[in-house]
Amino acid sequence: MKRTLLLILAAVAAVAVFGWLVHMVLVAAHLSEPAPTTVYGMTPRRVWATVVAVLALIAVVIGALALRQSAGRVGNGSGRMAIVAMIAGLIAAVGGVLNLALAKGGPGSGNGVIGGAAALVLGLIAMTLGGLALTRPRGRVGAASVGD
């Protein structure tokens, strides 16, 4: 019961930190003010932002799996997964930055700024997880040497 409550609290905290980071990206890009008129429906920029945000989310999952597997034995294939997470995270982060750079208005303007900011944050997280998985020391086979 305690572990479940702790996991729920950790998930809520992670969502709050993610939301704060997305807001900080929008403030830094000077796109945090809502649009005077709200655009409803999917626009081409919203579709682009959604695609790169989903790519970034997939990259985060792959990076987390690679980091989890990197603690295992040598040669388990987590290096390839880490590289995939880093490349997909980079593509998503660049797509998010391009979306934010081309946006003319804030949330509700139809430019997909929320999705672009989310893609940027998630892409950076994916690249970090992939990098950690690549640099994490691997378990050594026969770690005990003669004379120990």
N, C-alpha and C. Protein backbone atom coordinates (compact mmCIF):
# COMPACT_ATOMS: atom_id res chain seq x y z
N MET A 1 0.82 -1.19 0.00
CA MET A 1 0.00 0.00 0.00
C MET A 1 0.87 1.26 0.00
N LYS A 2 1.92 1.26 0.83
CA LYS A 2 2.79 2.42 0.91
C LYS A 2 3.52 2.64 -0.40
N ARG A 3 3.95 1.54 -1.03
CA ARG A 3 4.68 1.66 -2.29
C ARG A 3 3.77 2.22 -3.39
N THR A 4 2.52 1.79 -3.43
CA THR A 4 1.58 2.30 -4.42
C THR A 4 1.34 3.78 -4.22
N LEU A 5 1.17 4.20 -3.00
CA LEU A 5 0.96 5.62 -2.70
C LEU A 5 2.20 6.42 -3.09
N LEU A 6 3.37 5.88 -2.82
CA LEU A 6 4.60 6.56 -3.19
C LEU A 6 4.74 6.69 -4.71
N LEU A 7 4.38 5.65 -5.44
CA LEU A 7 4.41 5.71 -6.91
C LEU A 7 3.42 6.73 -7.45
N ILE A 8 2.24 6.81 -6.86
CA ILE A 8 1.24 7.78 -7.29
C ILE A 8 1.74 9.20 -7.03
N LEU A 9 2.30 9.42 -5.85
CA LEU A 9 2.84 10.75 -5.54
C LEU A 9 4.00 11.12 -6.45
N ALA A 10 4.85 10.15 -6.77
CA ALA A 10 5.96 10.41 -7.68
C ALA A 10 5.45 10.75 -9.08
N ALA A 11 4.41 10.07 -9.53
CA ALA A 11 3.84 10.35 -10.85
C ALA A 11 3.21 11.74 -10.88
N VAL A 12 2.51 12.12 -9.83
CA VAL A 12 1.91 13.45 -9.76
C VAL A 12 3.00 14.53 -9.75
N ALA A 13 4.07 14.28 -9.00
CA ALA A 13 5.18 15.23 -8.96
C ALA A 13 5.85 15.35 -10.32
N ALA A 14 6.01 14.22 -11.02
CA ALA A 14 6.63 14.24 -12.34
C ALA A 14 5.77 15.03 -13.33
N VAL A 15 4.46 14.86 -13.27
CA VAL A 15 3.57 15.61 -14.16
C VAL A 15 3.63 17.11 -13.84
N ALA A 16 3.70 17.45 -12.56
CA ALA A 16 3.79 18.86 -12.17
C ALA A 16 5.09 19.48 -12.66
N VAL A 17 6.20 18.76 -12.51
CA VAL A 17 7.49 19.27 -12.98
C VAL A 17 7.48 19.41 -14.50
N PHE A 18 6.89 18.43 -15.20
CA PHE A 18 6.80 18.49 -16.65
C PHE A 18 5.99 19.71 -17.08
N GLY A 19 4.85 19.93 -16.45
CA GLY A 19 4.03 21.10 -16.78
C GLY A 19 4.76 22.41 -16.52
N TRP A 20 5.51 22.47 -15.42
CA TRP A 20 6.28 23.67 -15.10
C TRP A 20 7.37 23.89 -16.15
N LEU A 21 8.06 22.82 -16.57
CA LEU A 21 9.08 22.95 -17.60
C LEU A 21 8.51 23.43 -18.93
N VAL A 22 7.36 22.90 -19.32
CA VAL A 22 6.72 23.34 -20.56
C VAL A 22 6.35 24.81 -20.46
N HIS A 23 5.83 25.23 -19.31
CA HIS A 23 5.49 26.64 -19.12
C HIS A 23 6.75 27.51 -19.19
N MET A 24 7.84 27.06 -18.61
CA MET A 24 9.09 27.83 -18.64
C MET A 24 9.63 27.96 -20.07
N VAL A 25 9.47 26.90 -20.88
CA VAL A 25 9.89 26.97 -22.28
C VAL A 25 9.04 28.01 -23.01
N LEU A 26 7.73 28.02 -22.75
CA LEU A 26 6.87 29.01 -23.41
C LEU A 26 7.19 30.43 -22.96
N VAL A 27 7.52 30.61 -21.68
CA VAL A 27 7.91 31.93 -21.19
C VAL A 27 9.22 32.36 -21.84
N ALA A 28 10.17 31.45 -21.93
CA ALA A 28 11.46 31.78 -22.54
C ALA A 28 11.31 32.13 -24.02
N ALA A 29 10.36 31.49 -24.70
CA ALA A 29 10.13 31.76 -26.12
C ALA A 29 9.18 32.94 -26.33
N HIS A 30 8.76 33.58 -25.23
CA HIS A 30 7.83 34.72 -25.28
C HIS A 30 6.52 34.34 -25.94
N LEU A 31 6.05 33.13 -25.67
CA LEU A 31 4.80 32.64 -26.25
C LEU A 31 3.82 32.19 -25.16
N SER A 32 3.94 32.73 -23.95
CA SER A 32 3.12 32.24 -22.85
C SER A 32 1.75 32.91 -22.76
N GLU A 33 1.56 34.03 -23.47
CA GLU A 33 0.28 34.72 -23.43
C GLU A 33 -0.72 34.01 -24.33
N PRO A 34 -1.94 33.78 -23.82
CA PRO A 34 -2.94 33.13 -24.66
C PRO A 34 -3.35 34.02 -25.84
N ALA A 35 -3.81 33.38 -26.89
CA ALA A 35 -4.23 34.11 -28.09
C ALA A 35 -5.53 34.86 -27.82
N PRO A 36 -5.70 36.05 -28.43
CA PRO A 36 -6.94 36.79 -28.22
C PRO A 36 -8.16 36.06 -28.78
N THR A 37 -7.98 35.34 -29.88
CA THR A 37 -9.05 34.51 -30.43
C THR A 37 -8.53 33.08 -30.51
N THR A 38 -9.33 32.17 -30.03
CA THR A 38 -8.92 30.77 -29.97
C THR A 38 -9.28 30.07 -31.28
N VAL A 39 -8.33 29.29 -31.78
CA VAL A 39 -8.54 28.49 -32.99
C VAL A 39 -8.85 27.06 -32.54
N TYR A 40 -9.96 26.53 -33.02
CA TYR A 40 -10.35 25.17 -32.67
C TYR A 40 -10.02 24.23 -33.81
N GLY A 41 -9.84 22.96 -33.49
CA GLY A 41 -9.57 21.97 -34.51
C GLY A 41 -8.09 21.81 -34.77
N MET A 42 -7.78 20.86 -35.63
CA MET A 42 -6.38 20.56 -35.94
C MET A 42 -5.91 21.44 -37.09
N THR A 43 -4.84 22.15 -36.85
CA THR A 43 -4.18 22.93 -37.90
C THR A 43 -2.91 22.19 -38.30
N PRO A 44 -2.31 22.52 -39.42
CA PRO A 44 -1.07 21.82 -39.80
C PRO A 44 0.04 21.93 -38.75
N ARG A 45 0.16 23.08 -38.11
CA ARG A 45 1.19 23.22 -37.08
C ARG A 45 0.87 22.41 -35.83
N ARG A 46 -0.40 22.29 -35.50
CA ARG A 46 -0.78 21.45 -34.36
C ARG A 46 -0.51 19.98 -34.67
N VAL A 47 -0.76 19.58 -35.89
CA VAL A 47 -0.46 18.19 -36.29
C VAL A 47 1.04 17.94 -36.18
N TRP A 48 1.84 18.88 -36.68
CA TRP A 48 3.30 18.75 -36.59
C TRP A 48 3.74 18.66 -35.13
N ALA A 49 3.21 19.53 -34.28
CA ALA A 49 3.58 19.52 -32.86
C ALA A 49 3.17 18.21 -32.19
N THR A 50 2.01 17.69 -32.56
CA THR A 50 1.55 16.42 -31.99
C THR A 50 2.45 15.28 -32.43
N VAL A 51 2.84 15.26 -33.68
CA VAL A 51 3.71 14.19 -34.19
C VAL A 51 5.05 14.20 -33.47
N VAL A 52 5.67 15.39 -33.34
CA VAL A 52 6.98 15.41 -32.69
C VAL A 52 6.86 15.15 -31.18
N ALA A 53 5.74 15.54 -30.58
CA ALA A 53 5.55 15.23 -29.16
C ALA A 53 5.39 13.72 -28.93
N VAL A 54 4.66 13.05 -29.81
CA VAL A 54 4.51 11.59 -29.71
C VAL A 54 5.85 10.91 -29.95
N LEU A 55 6.62 11.39 -30.93
CA LEU A 55 7.95 10.85 -31.17
C LEU A 55 8.83 11.02 -29.93
N ALA A 56 8.74 12.17 -29.30
CA ALA A 56 9.54 12.42 -28.09
C ALA A 56 9.11 11.49 -26.96
N LEU A 57 7.81 11.27 -26.82
CA LEU A 57 7.32 10.37 -25.77
C LEU A 57 7.80 8.95 -26.00
N ILE A 58 7.78 8.50 -27.25
CA ILE A 58 8.29 7.16 -27.58
C ILE A 58 9.78 7.09 -27.28
N ALA A 59 10.51 8.16 -27.60
CA ALA A 59 11.94 8.19 -27.32
C ALA A 59 12.22 8.13 -25.82
N VAL A 60 11.40 8.77 -25.01
CA VAL A 60 11.57 8.71 -23.55
C VAL A 60 11.37 7.28 -23.06
N VAL A 61 10.36 6.60 -23.57
CA VAL A 61 10.11 5.21 -23.17
C VAL A 61 11.29 4.33 -23.57
N ILE A 62 11.78 4.50 -24.80
CA ILE A 62 12.92 3.69 -25.25
C ILE A 62 14.15 4.00 -24.41
N GLY A 63 14.38 5.28 -24.10
CA GLY A 63 15.52 5.66 -23.26
C GLY A 63 15.42 5.08 -21.87
N ALA A 64 14.22 5.08 -21.29
CA ALA A 64 14.04 4.50 -19.97
C ALA A 64 14.29 2.99 -19.99
N LEU A 65 13.81 2.33 -21.03
CA LEU A 65 14.06 0.89 -21.15
C LEU A 65 15.55 0.61 -21.33
N ALA A 66 16.23 1.43 -22.12
CA ALA A 66 17.67 1.25 -22.32
C ALA A 66 18.43 1.47 -21.03
N LEU A 67 18.02 2.46 -20.25
CA LEU A 67 18.68 2.72 -18.97
C LEU A 67 18.44 1.57 -18.00
N ARG A 68 17.25 1.03 -18.03
CA ARG A 68 16.93 -0.11 -17.15
C ARG A 68 17.75 -1.34 -17.54
N GLN A 69 17.90 -1.56 -18.86
CA GLN A 69 18.63 -2.74 -19.32
C GLN A 69 20.14 -2.56 -19.19
N SER A 70 20.61 -1.33 -19.11
CA SER A 70 22.05 -1.12 -19.05
C SER A 70 22.66 -1.60 -17.74
N ALA A 71 21.83 -1.81 -16.75
CA ALA A 71 22.33 -2.34 -15.48
C ALA A 71 22.57 -3.84 -15.55
N GLY A 72 22.11 -4.46 -16.62
CA GLY A 72 22.24 -5.91 -16.77
C GLY A 72 23.61 -6.33 -17.26
N ARG A 73 23.65 -7.50 -17.87
CA ARG A 73 24.92 -8.06 -18.35
C ARG A 73 25.44 -7.34 -19.59
N VAL A 74 26.69 -7.57 -19.89
CA VAL A 74 27.32 -6.98 -21.06
C VAL A 74 26.71 -7.56 -22.32
N GLY A 75 26.51 -6.71 -23.34
CA GLY A 75 26.04 -7.18 -24.64
C GLY A 75 24.57 -7.49 -24.69
N ASN A 76 23.75 -6.79 -23.93
CA ASN A 76 22.32 -7.07 -23.95
C ASN A 76 21.56 -6.22 -24.96
N GLY A 77 22.27 -5.41 -25.76
CA GLY A 77 21.61 -4.64 -26.80
C GLY A 77 21.06 -3.31 -26.37
N SER A 78 21.29 -2.89 -25.12
CA SER A 78 20.75 -1.61 -24.67
C SER A 78 21.48 -0.44 -25.31
N GLY A 79 22.68 -0.66 -25.86
CA GLY A 79 23.40 0.41 -26.53
C GLY A 79 22.67 0.89 -27.76
N ARG A 80 22.11 -0.03 -28.53
CA ARG A 80 21.34 0.35 -29.71
C ARG A 80 20.08 1.11 -29.32
N MET A 81 19.43 0.65 -28.27
CA MET A 81 18.22 1.33 -27.80
C MET A 81 18.55 2.74 -27.31
N ALA A 82 19.68 2.88 -26.64
CA ALA A 82 20.08 4.20 -26.15
C ALA A 82 20.36 5.15 -27.30
N ILE A 83 21.00 4.65 -28.34
CA ILE A 83 21.29 5.49 -29.51
C ILE A 83 19.99 5.87 -30.22
N VAL A 84 19.06 4.94 -30.33
CA VAL A 84 17.76 5.24 -30.94
C VAL A 84 17.04 6.30 -30.11
N ALA A 85 17.08 6.18 -28.79
CA ALA A 85 16.43 7.17 -27.93
C ALA A 85 17.07 8.54 -28.10
N MET A 86 18.40 8.59 -28.21
CA MET A 86 19.07 9.87 -28.37
C MET A 86 18.75 10.51 -29.72
N ILE A 87 18.75 9.72 -30.79
CA ILE A 87 18.46 10.27 -32.11
C ILE A 87 17.00 10.72 -32.22
N ALA A 88 16.08 9.89 -31.75
CA ALA A 88 14.67 10.26 -31.79
C ALA A 88 14.40 11.47 -30.90
N GLY A 89 15.05 11.53 -29.75
CA GLY A 89 14.90 12.69 -28.88
C GLY A 89 15.43 13.96 -29.52
N LEU A 90 16.55 13.84 -30.23
CA LEU A 90 17.12 15.00 -30.92
C LEU A 90 16.19 15.48 -32.03
N ILE A 91 15.65 14.55 -32.81
CA ILE A 91 14.72 14.92 -33.89
C ILE A 91 13.49 15.61 -33.30
N ALA A 92 12.95 15.06 -32.21
CA ALA A 92 11.76 15.65 -31.59
C ALA A 92 12.07 17.03 -31.00
N ALA A 93 13.22 17.17 -30.35
CA ALA A 93 13.58 18.46 -29.76
C ALA A 93 13.77 19.52 -30.85
N VAL A 94 14.42 19.16 -31.93
CA VAL A 94 14.60 20.11 -33.03
C VAL A 94 13.25 20.46 -33.65
N GLY A 95 12.39 19.49 -33.82
CA GLY A 95 11.04 19.76 -34.34
C GLY A 95 10.26 20.69 -33.43
N GLY A 96 10.38 20.49 -32.12
CA GLY A 96 9.72 21.37 -31.16
C GLY A 96 10.27 22.78 -31.20
N VAL A 97 11.59 22.91 -31.31
CA VAL A 97 12.22 24.24 -31.38
C VAL A 97 11.78 24.95 -32.66
N LEU A 98 11.76 24.23 -33.78
CA LEU A 98 11.32 24.84 -35.04
C LEU A 98 9.86 25.30 -34.95
N ASN A 99 9.04 24.50 -34.33
CA ASN A 99 7.64 24.87 -34.16
C ASN A 99 7.52 26.14 -33.31
N LEU A 100 8.28 26.21 -32.23
CA LEU A 100 8.24 27.39 -31.37
C LEU A 100 8.82 28.61 -32.07
N ALA A 101 9.85 28.41 -32.87
CA ALA A 101 10.48 29.54 -33.56
C ALA A 101 9.57 30.14 -34.62
N LEU A 102 8.75 29.32 -35.25
CA LEU A 102 7.86 29.80 -36.31
C LEU A 102 6.51 30.26 -35.81
N ALA A 103 6.21 30.03 -34.52
CA ALA A 103 4.89 30.37 -33.98
C ALA A 103 4.72 31.88 -33.88
N LYS A 104 3.53 32.34 -34.22
CA LYS A 104 3.21 33.77 -34.16
C LYS A 104 2.35 34.13 -32.96
N GLY A 105 1.89 33.14 -32.22
CA GLY A 105 1.03 33.42 -31.08
C GLY A 105 1.19 32.36 -30.02
N GLY A 106 0.53 32.56 -28.91
CA GLY A 106 0.63 31.66 -27.77
C GLY A 106 -0.39 30.53 -27.84
N PRO A 107 -0.68 29.93 -26.69
CA PRO A 107 -1.65 28.84 -26.63
C PRO A 107 -3.02 29.29 -27.16
N GLY A 108 -3.61 28.46 -27.99
CA GLY A 108 -4.91 28.76 -28.57
C GLY A 108 -4.84 29.42 -29.92
N SER A 109 -3.64 29.73 -30.39
CA SER A 109 -3.49 30.42 -31.68
C SER A 109 -3.50 29.46 -32.86
N GLY A 110 -3.45 28.17 -32.60
CA GLY A 110 -3.44 27.19 -33.68
C GLY A 110 -2.05 26.84 -34.16
N ASN A 111 -1.02 27.35 -33.49
CA ASN A 111 0.36 27.12 -33.90
C ASN A 111 0.99 25.90 -33.25
N GLY A 112 0.34 25.28 -32.31
CA GLY A 112 0.87 24.08 -31.67
C GLY A 112 2.01 24.36 -30.71
N VAL A 113 1.96 25.50 -30.02
CA VAL A 113 3.07 25.85 -29.15
C VAL A 113 3.17 24.95 -27.92
N ILE A 114 2.06 24.48 -27.42
CA ILE A 114 2.10 23.56 -26.27
C ILE A 114 2.75 22.25 -26.68
N GLY A 115 2.36 21.71 -27.82
CA GLY A 115 2.96 20.47 -28.32
C GLY A 115 4.43 20.65 -28.65
N GLY A 116 4.79 21.80 -29.21
CA GLY A 116 6.19 22.07 -29.52
C GLY A 116 7.04 22.15 -28.26
N ALA A 117 6.52 22.82 -27.23
CA ALA A 117 7.25 22.91 -25.97
C ALA A 117 7.36 21.54 -25.31
N ALA A 118 6.28 20.76 -25.37
CA ALA A 118 6.32 19.42 -24.79
C ALA A 118 7.33 18.55 -25.53
N ALA A 119 7.37 18.67 -26.86
CA ALA A 119 8.34 17.89 -27.65
C ALA A 119 9.76 18.28 -27.29
N LEU A 120 10.01 19.57 -27.07
CA LEU A 120 11.34 20.02 -26.69
C LEU A 120 11.75 19.43 -25.34
N VAL A 121 10.88 19.52 -24.35
CA VAL A 121 11.20 19.02 -23.02
C VAL A 121 11.36 17.50 -23.04
N LEU A 122 10.43 16.79 -23.66
CA LEU A 122 10.53 15.33 -23.71
C LEU A 122 11.72 14.87 -24.54
N GLY A 123 12.03 15.59 -25.62
CA GLY A 123 13.20 15.24 -26.42
C GLY A 123 14.49 15.36 -25.62
N LEU A 124 14.60 16.42 -24.83
CA LEU A 124 15.79 16.58 -23.98
C LEU A 124 15.87 15.49 -22.91
N ILE A 125 14.72 15.12 -22.36
CA ILE A 125 14.70 14.02 -21.38
C ILE A 125 15.12 12.72 -22.04
N ALA A 126 14.63 12.45 -23.25
CA ALA A 126 15.00 11.22 -23.97
C ALA A 126 16.49 11.18 -24.26
N MET A 127 17.05 12.31 -24.69
CA MET A 127 18.49 12.34 -24.97
C MET A 127 19.30 12.12 -23.69
N THR A 128 18.83 12.66 -22.58
CA THR A 128 19.51 12.46 -21.31
C THR A 128 19.46 10.99 -20.88
N LEU A 129 18.29 10.38 -20.99
CA LEU A 129 18.17 8.96 -20.62
C LEU A 129 19.04 8.09 -21.52
N GLY A 130 19.04 8.36 -22.82
CA GLY A 130 19.88 7.59 -23.73
C GLY A 130 21.36 7.77 -23.42
N GLY A 131 21.77 8.99 -23.13
CA GLY A 131 23.16 9.24 -22.78
C GLY A 131 23.56 8.56 -21.48
N LEU A 132 22.67 8.58 -20.51
CA LEU A 132 22.96 7.88 -19.25
C LEU A 132 23.08 6.37 -19.46
N ALA A 133 22.24 5.83 -20.33
CA ALA A 133 22.31 4.39 -20.61
C ALA A 133 23.61 4.03 -21.31
N LEU A 134 24.11 4.93 -22.17
CA LEU A 134 25.37 4.66 -22.87
C LEU A 134 26.57 4.77 -21.95
N THR A 135 26.54 5.72 -21.03
CA THR A 135 27.70 5.96 -20.18
C THR A 135 27.67 5.18 -18.88
N ARG A 136 26.59 4.50 -18.60
CA ARG A 136 26.49 3.74 -17.35
C ARG A 136 27.46 2.57 -17.40
N PRO A 137 28.22 2.37 -16.32
CA PRO A 137 29.15 1.23 -16.32
C PRO A 137 28.40 -0.09 -16.42
N ARG A 138 28.88 -0.93 -17.27
CA ARG A 138 28.25 -2.24 -17.47
C ARG A 138 28.72 -3.21 -16.40
N GLY A 139 27.89 -4.22 -16.15
CA GLY A 139 28.30 -5.28 -15.24
C GLY A 139 29.43 -6.08 -15.86
N ARG A 140 30.43 -6.42 -15.08
CA ARG A 140 31.58 -7.17 -15.62
C ARG A 140 31.42 -8.65 -15.33
N VAL A 141 31.77 -9.44 -16.32
CA VAL A 141 31.74 -10.89 -16.14
C VAL A 141 33.03 -11.28 -15.45
N GLY A 142 32.95 -12.05 -14.39
CA GLY A 142 34.14 -12.46 -13.66
C GLY A 142 34.81 -11.30 -12.95
N ALA A 143 34.02 -10.52 -12.21
CA ALA A 143 34.54 -9.31 -11.57
C ALA A 143 35.55 -9.63 -10.48
N ALA A 144 35.45 -10.76 -9.87
CA ALA A 144 36.41 -11.11 -8.81
C ALA A 144 37.71 -11.57 -9.46
N SER A 145 38.78 -10.93 -9.10
CA SER A 145 40.07 -11.28 -9.68
C SER A 145 40.87 -12.12 -8.70
N VAL A 146 41.96 -12.69 -9.19
CA VAL A 146 42.82 -13.51 -8.36
C VAL A 146 43.50 -12.62 -7.34
N GLY A 147 43.52 -13.03 -6.10
CA GLY A 147 44.16 -12.27 -5.06
C GLY A 147 43.19 -11.43 -4.25
N ASP A 148 41.90 -11.50 -4.56
CA ASP A 148 40.92 -10.75 -3.77
C ASP A 148 40.54 -11.49 -2.54
